[in-house]
Amino acid sequence: MLVFCHMVIGAILGLMLYRRLDIRSAVPVGALGAILPDIIDKPLGHLLLQSTLDSGRIYAHTLLFLAMVTAVGAAAWRYKLTPLVLVLALGIASHLFLDAMWDNPVTLFWPALGPFIPFHYPDYFEASFIVEITSPLEWLFGASLLIILGTIYKEEMGAWGHLAVRSRSFRLPLFGLLALAGVLTVAALALSSVDAMEAPVKVMTGGCAFAAGSFLFVRERRGALL
């Protein structure tokens, strides 16, 4: 799954909790949680454990990791310290869902079903970087994430804050284009010969683009992005 795709979904989850919690930090924390499993596992699996596992879906992609963060979050909520750890856990949960981790039960339920299965991904980071910069959807996701964060923190941006205000003129077209691109991505699968392993990922990515774009479009149309 694309990096900014994960982060936009996490940011939207934080955005939905923003008014309820009255904490702006819920938005960046949700975005951070949505990419945290990759921040932990990619360097660990593809660099430090390259000779043994070479997999970017290990410890932080497990229900055990999610349960541990959720438990800490519940304790923090219980003692009225902060609700943000639970927001972080929600972002992590979205990551596991979007990665369709149910297709990899050995990792998801680790260590119940045994050790992680080794893989081999030569030049993983180089290949991933190329995928990121050549994906039109990822550029739309990235722009949408900047709009969300810029709108929330425009007062702290100082002289750059005017950019968030000026972005209002193209927010609706951007969010509408993101939703449309999601529909076209899914529709294109019926017209092309996509590898069976890649099809679910493309469907999930297209679905996320449509859902995120539609949500943001409606919110902006109502003048209530925040």
Protein backbone atom coordinates (compact mmCIF):
# COMPACT_ATOMS: atom_id res chain seq x y z
CA MET A 1 0.00 0.00 0.00
CA LEU A 2 1.23 3.50 -0.83
CA VAL A 3 2.70 5.62 1.98
CA PHE A 4 0.50 8.70 1.56
CA CYS A 5 -2.56 6.53 1.04
CA HIS A 6 -2.04 5.09 4.52
CA MET A 7 -1.41 8.53 5.99
CA VAL A 8 -4.47 10.17 4.43
CA ILE A 9 -6.75 7.46 5.79
CA GLY A 10 -5.17 7.90 9.24
CA ALA A 11 -5.50 11.68 8.99
CA ILE A 12 -9.18 11.34 8.07
CA LEU A 13 -9.77 9.11 11.09
CA GLY A 14 -8.08 11.79 13.20
CA LEU A 15 -10.16 14.45 11.48
CA MET A 16 -13.34 12.60 12.42
CA LEU A 17 -12.23 12.63 16.06
CA TYR A 18 -10.95 16.21 15.97
CA ARG A 19 -14.17 17.92 17.03
CA ARG A 20 -15.15 15.20 19.48
CA LEU A 21 -11.83 15.30 21.29
CA ASP A 22 -11.16 18.99 20.63
CA ILE A 23 -7.51 18.08 20.04
CA ARG A 24 -5.93 19.06 16.74
CA SER A 25 -3.09 16.63 17.34
CA ALA A 26 -5.52 13.78 16.67
CA VAL A 27 -5.06 14.39 12.94
CA PRO A 28 -1.24 14.09 12.68
CA VAL A 29 -1.23 11.35 15.33
CA GLY A 30 -3.78 9.38 13.29
CA ALA A 31 -1.60 9.84 10.20
CA LEU A 32 1.49 8.75 12.14
CA GLY A 33 -0.25 5.65 13.47
CA ALA A 34 -1.35 4.75 9.95
CA ILE A 35 2.26 4.56 8.77
CA LEU A 36 3.96 3.52 12.03
CA PRO A 37 4.05 -0.24 11.25
CA ASP A 38 6.08 0.49 8.11
CA ILE A 39 8.34 2.98 9.91
CA ILE A 40 9.25 0.21 12.34
CA ASP A 41 9.21 -2.89 10.16
CA LYS A 42 10.67 -1.75 6.84
CA PRO A 43 14.12 -0.70 8.16
CA LEU A 44 14.12 -3.55 10.67
CA GLY A 45 13.13 -6.27 8.22
CA HIS A 46 14.82 -5.10 5.02
CA LEU A 47 18.03 -3.75 6.57
CA LEU A 48 18.83 -5.18 10.01
CA LEU A 49 17.22 -8.58 9.35
CA GLN A 50 17.81 -8.72 5.60
CA SER A 51 19.88 -11.89 5.77
CA THR A 52 17.24 -13.81 7.72
CA LEU A 53 13.77 -12.37 7.03
CA ASP A 54 14.01 -9.56 4.43
CA SER A 55 10.35 -8.76 5.10
CA GLY A 56 8.78 -5.41 5.89
CA ARG A 57 5.74 -6.93 7.57
CA ILE A 58 6.86 -8.40 10.86
CA TYR A 59 6.52 -7.29 14.50
CA ALA A 60 4.56 -4.04 14.02
CA HIS A 61 2.16 -5.72 11.59
CA THR A 62 0.85 -8.10 14.25
CA LEU A 63 -2.27 -8.06 16.40
CA LEU A 64 0.07 -8.38 19.38
CA PHE A 65 1.66 -5.00 18.59
CA LEU A 66 -1.77 -3.43 18.05
CA ALA A 67 -3.02 -4.91 21.33
CA MET A 68 -0.02 -3.56 23.24
CA VAL A 69 -0.48 -0.02 21.89
CA THR A 70 -4.22 -0.22 22.52
CA ALA A 71 -3.64 -1.37 26.11
CA VAL A 72 -1.29 1.56 26.74
CA GLY A 73 -3.84 3.87 25.13
CA ALA A 74 -6.67 2.51 27.27
CA ALA A 75 -4.58 3.05 30.41
CA ALA A 76 -3.74 6.61 29.34
CA TRP A 77 -7.43 7.27 28.68
CA ARG A 78 -8.45 5.64 31.97
CA TYR A 79 -6.15 7.86 33.99
CA LYS A 80 -7.07 10.93 31.93
CA LEU A 81 -3.56 11.49 30.64
CA THR A 82 -4.29 11.63 26.90
CA PRO A 83 -6.58 10.01 24.34
CA LEU A 84 -3.94 10.32 21.63
CA VAL A 85 -2.41 6.88 22.18
CA LEU A 86 -5.78 5.35 21.32
CA VAL A 87 -5.87 7.53 18.19
CA LEU A 88 -2.42 6.15 17.36
CA ALA A 89 -3.76 2.62 17.83
CA LEU A 90 -6.67 3.41 15.52
CA GLY A 91 -4.22 4.51 12.86
CA ILE A 92 -2.24 1.28 13.31
CA ALA A 93 -5.45 -0.75 12.96
CA SER A 94 -6.22 1.03 9.69
CA HIS A 95 -2.75 0.10 8.42
CA LEU A 96 -3.25 -3.59 9.17
CA PHE A 97 -6.64 -3.49 7.46
CA LEU A 98 -5.39 -1.71 4.34
CA ASP A 99 -2.47 -4.14 4.10
CA ALA A 100 -5.04 -6.97 4.15
CA MET A 101 -3.05 -8.70 6.85
CA TRP A 102 -5.70 -11.40 7.12
CA ASP A 103 -4.05 -12.86 4.00
CA ASN A 104 -0.89 -13.37 6.08
CA PRO A 105 -2.19 -15.03 9.27
CA VAL A 106 1.28 -16.21 10.34
CA THR A 107 2.33 -12.58 10.74
CA LEU A 108 -1.02 -11.22 11.90
CA PHE A 109 -1.36 -13.76 14.73
CA TRP A 110 2.36 -13.99 15.54
CA PRO A 111 3.63 -15.84 17.51
CA ALA A 112 0.61 -18.16 17.75
CA LEU A 113 1.13 -19.75 14.31
CA GLY A 114 4.91 -19.97 14.40
CA PRO A 115 7.82 -17.76 13.28
CA PHE A 116 7.70 -15.19 10.50
CA ILE A 117 8.04 -16.53 6.97
CA PRO A 118 11.26 -15.31 5.26
CA PHE A 119 10.96 -13.46 1.95
CA HIS A 120 13.38 -12.00 -0.54
CA TYR A 121 12.96 -8.47 -1.88
CA PRO A 122 16.10 -7.33 -3.74
CA ASP A 123 16.54 -3.54 -3.82
CA TYR A 124 13.30 -3.08 -1.87
CA PHE A 125 13.70 0.62 -1.03
CA GLU A 126 14.76 1.60 -4.54
CA ALA A 127 11.81 -0.27 -6.07
CA SER A 128 9.39 1.22 -3.54
CA PHE A 129 10.67 4.74 -4.20
CA ILE A 130 10.08 4.33 -7.93
CA VAL A 131 6.54 3.07 -7.29
CA GLU A 132 5.85 6.05 -5.02
CA ILE A 133 7.02 8.78 -7.40
CA THR A 134 5.43 7.22 -10.50
CA SER A 135 1.98 6.70 -8.98
CA PRO A 136 -0.52 9.46 -9.89
CA LEU A 137 -2.71 8.38 -6.99
CA GLU A 138 0.14 8.87 -4.54
CA TRP A 139 0.63 12.45 -5.71
CA LEU A 140 -3.08 13.10 -5.14
CA PHE A 141 -2.93 11.48 -1.71
CA GLY A 142 0.16 13.53 -0.81
CA ALA A 143 -1.44 16.80 -1.93
CA SER A 144 -4.59 15.99 0.04
CA LEU A 145 -2.55 15.27 3.17
CA LEU A 146 -0.75 18.61 2.85
CA ILE A 147 -4.10 20.37 2.48
CA ILE A 148 -5.49 18.73 5.61
CA LEU A 149 -2.44 19.46 7.77
CA GLY A 150 -1.96 22.95 6.33
CA THR A 151 -5.58 23.85 7.04
CA ILE A 152 -5.34 22.69 10.64
CA TYR A 153 -2.00 24.32 11.38
CA LYS A 154 -2.24 27.43 9.19
CA GLU A 155 -1.90 29.72 12.21
CA GLU A 156 1.38 28.09 13.20
CA MET A 157 2.73 28.33 9.64
CA GLY A 158 3.41 32.04 10.00
CA ALA A 159 4.06 33.67 6.64
CA TRP A 160 3.24 30.40 4.89
CA GLY A 161 -0.25 30.36 6.38
CA HIS A 162 -1.67 32.26 3.42
CA LEU A 163 -1.03 29.20 1.25
CA ALA A 164 -3.58 27.24 3.28
CA VAL A 165 -6.13 29.98 2.73
CA ARG A 166 -5.43 30.14 -1.01
CA SER A 167 -5.78 26.37 -1.27
CA ARG A 168 -9.54 26.76 -0.89
CA SER A 169 -9.79 27.54 -4.59
CA PHE A 170 -8.59 24.09 -5.62
CA ARG A 171 -9.58 21.87 -2.69
CA LEU A 172 -12.85 20.73 -4.26
CA PRO A 173 -11.26 19.88 -7.64
CA LEU A 174 -8.41 18.04 -5.89
CA PHE A 175 -10.69 15.96 -3.68
CA GLY A 176 -13.05 15.29 -6.57
CA LEU A 177 -10.13 14.19 -8.74
CA LEU A 178 -8.93 11.85 -5.97
CA ALA A 179 -12.36 10.21 -5.80
CA LEU A 180 -12.57 9.95 -9.59
CA ALA A 181 -9.07 8.48 -9.81
CA GLY A 182 -10.12 5.83 -7.32
CA VAL A 183 -13.08 4.83 -9.48
CA LEU A 184 -10.93 4.73 -12.62
CA THR A 185 -8.28 2.64 -10.86
CA VAL A 186 -10.79 -0.03 -9.93
CA ALA A 187 -12.54 0.12 -13.32
CA ALA A 188 -9.23 -0.26 -15.16
CA LEU A 189 -8.72 -3.65 -13.52
CA ALA A 190 -11.54 -5.07 -15.63
CA LEU A 191 -9.83 -3.91 -18.82
CA SER A 192 -6.29 -5.03 -18.09
CA SER A 193 -4.48 -8.23 -17.24
CA VAL A 194 -3.34 -7.57 -13.69
CA ASP A 195 -1.42 -10.16 -11.72
CA ALA A 196 -3.70 -11.99 -9.28
CA MET A 197 -1.40 -10.98 -6.41
CA GLU A 198 -1.55 -7.29 -7.33
CA ALA A 199 -5.28 -7.03 -8.01
CA PRO A 200 -6.42 -6.88 -4.34
CA VAL A 201 -3.86 -4.16 -3.60
CA LYS A 202 -5.03 -2.07 -6.55
CA VAL A 203 -8.67 -2.54 -5.57
CA MET A 204 -7.90 -1.51 -2.00
CA THR A 205 -5.89 1.52 -3.13
CA GLY A 206 -8.61 2.60 -5.56
CA GLY A 207 -11.26 2.09 -2.89
CA CYS A 208 -9.28 4.22 -0.45
CA ALA A 209 -8.90 6.98 -3.03
CA PHE A 210 -12.65 7.00 -3.72
CA ALA A 211 -13.62 6.89 -0.04
CA ALA A 212 -11.08 9.52 1.04
CA GLY A 213 -11.77 11.82 -1.91
CA SER A 214 -15.54 11.57 -1.44
CA PHE A 215 -15.33 12.22 2.30
CA LEU A 216 -13.07 15.25 1.89
CA PHE A 217 -15.13 16.58 -1.04
CA VAL A 218 -18.36 16.45 0.96
CA ARG A 219 -16.74 18.03 4.01
CA GLU A 220 -15.24 20.83 1.94
CA ARG A 221 -18.50 21.35 0.05
CA ARG A 222 -20.23 21.92 3.37
CA GLY A 223 -17.47 24.31 4.43
CA ALA A 224 -16.55 21.99 7.28
CA LEU A 225 -13.24 20.37 6.37
CA LEU A 226 -12.28 20.68 10.03
